[in-house]
Amino acid sequence: MDSKKGYIIGVDVGTTIIRAALFDGNGDLVVCHDDTVEPVVKSGERGEVLVEIIPDDLFNKFICVVKNSLEHVPLSAEVSLAIATQRNSIVVWEKANNHCRQFNSSFTFKVINACGFVLHAITRKARFLAARRLRMLPSMLSHRMIDMIDNSEELQSLLQKEDLAFGGLESWLIMRMSHKNEHVFETSSISSSGTFDPWIGDFNHFLLGIIGFPTKLLAPIRDTNFSDSPAKPKLDAKFCGREIPIHAMIADQQAATFGSGVWKPGDVKVSLGTGTFVDVVTEEAHASVTGFYPLVGWRLNGKSTFLAEGNAYDTSTILNWAQSVGFFDNVKETSSIAQSVANSNGTFFIPAFCGLQVPINDENACCGFIGFKPDTTRSHMIRALLESIVFRVFQIFNVAQNELTIDNDTAIRICGGVSQNDFICQAIADILERDVARSDEPRLTAAKGAAFIAGISLGYWKLEDLSPKLPIEKIFEPQGREVHENIKKTYSAWEKAVKRCERFYEQHLSNQ
């Protein structure tokens, strides 16, 4: 390692895993440490199902994986932090003591199967009449924060006394770990929240005014590498025995995009983790009518790189569910099990625990199997599960092709834990008729992306130096026209099955 360069700890704070990857000054991986995040699932007062995370538990695990990485860093060496975080989580705290009290035992607010309920309740209120034609995605934090305040007298009281603070996960982590308890937002993270206007690079105060969002809760928005900050935020020495500057903070999907080497307009990254995310680099912020969302990929030294993103919320979640009910013992078995049968024997799975996103955009869709026969086997069902993930990628990619300029000569980069499934990757290549390049160590892509941005900020390397540090583990090539036609035929039948599950919960919601 170059003795003039220090180390970078890239931390990926996900929904179910928190991972720290230590890189040396040459960008080489030194060591990796994982810990599990244990979401709490419970029912809300209105019948919705909430997925929550305990903030202090998460922070303790964050410190633990950072400490484990520091054990491999010489005391004389410089070390920096780069953090990738899940997006659109909400955390609220009291300004007086910067403490998350019982009213905020968690900050992930995912609503399963009834995720349209909050929108339904909100849009019946007078102050939303002017914005009733605005489409608000269930994942956006703007309307969810309003709903939290409307349903908590304590939050209302704190807001009135101007003692209420709120942020995304990145905001809370910076506040929690820094000595000065700084309260800021990071550009890429806030860009997916429903509060940000990528065309002006700031909060959309006009829209927030229409929906009645309390704008006094907003804080300054910083560059991904904090180049516009008076000083780099730092992890206080009381946590790990040494003060560590933070040189990058970025949303997880944007970090995975950067860590996949997807940097130029037209490049495409598919991430298969808790959900499916298809990200396309664009010249400027993209306005979509079908559900693709305009994001800031990263903002370095005041210059933004833009992405257009389409997603599906249920990917590893359906595999975790299938494992929990006994479909298989180890998710690694599923690829060979799916390949053991020629097809799914007319059985289809609709992956809609959290509804169906782009391009269907139906939060009231239900999850289910359709097409069972007397000779349907476990292998057919597992193949149907995996094919449903492939078909959702295909749907989202088709929207991207219709709306965006895509580089058809460059392989699609794929990452995330589920991308380790060969059956899924090969089927994606076959249905898209495109090469699919799987990143080496696909689980580390987000941590690597954050760390590499920090390294650019520190002057350890330039963007053009990074390609050799992003090796491809395997390239999946299309297997020919006949295979493509067969999988397209299966996809067409699956589309008919999906229609049976659309708007399933509409009647339930209308009766609330």
Foldseek 3Di string as FASTA:
>chain_A
DPQVWFKEWFWEAEDFKIKTWIAGLLLDTDDMDMDTFDWDWDADPVGWIWTWGAVVVSVVVVLVRVLVNCVPGDPPGAYAYFYAYAALWKFKDFQVVLDGDPLPRGTGGATWLVLCLLVVVLCVDPLCVVVNVPDDDSSANQSVVVVSCVPDPVSVVSVVVVGMAMDIPVQSSLLVFFPVSDGEAEAQRNQVRVQADQVVSGGPVVVSVSSVGPCSNHDYYAFQQRPVPPDFTWGDCVSNVDIHGYRGYHYQVLLLCLLQVQADAQAWEWEAAQKTKIKGWHPGFFDDPQAFHKGFSGADPNRTTIITMWIFRHGVVVVVVCCVVPLDVDSQCLLVLLVVDPALQQKAWARRRQHGGTRVNFRNFDTDIDGDDPPGDSSSVSNRSLLNNLLSVVRRVVSCVVRGRHDQVDAHEYAYDVVVRPNNQQSNCQQVQGKYFYWDVRNCSSSSSSRVSSSVVVVSDDSVSCPVVTDTPDIHGHPDDVSNVVSVVVSVSNVVVSVVRGNNCVVVSVVD
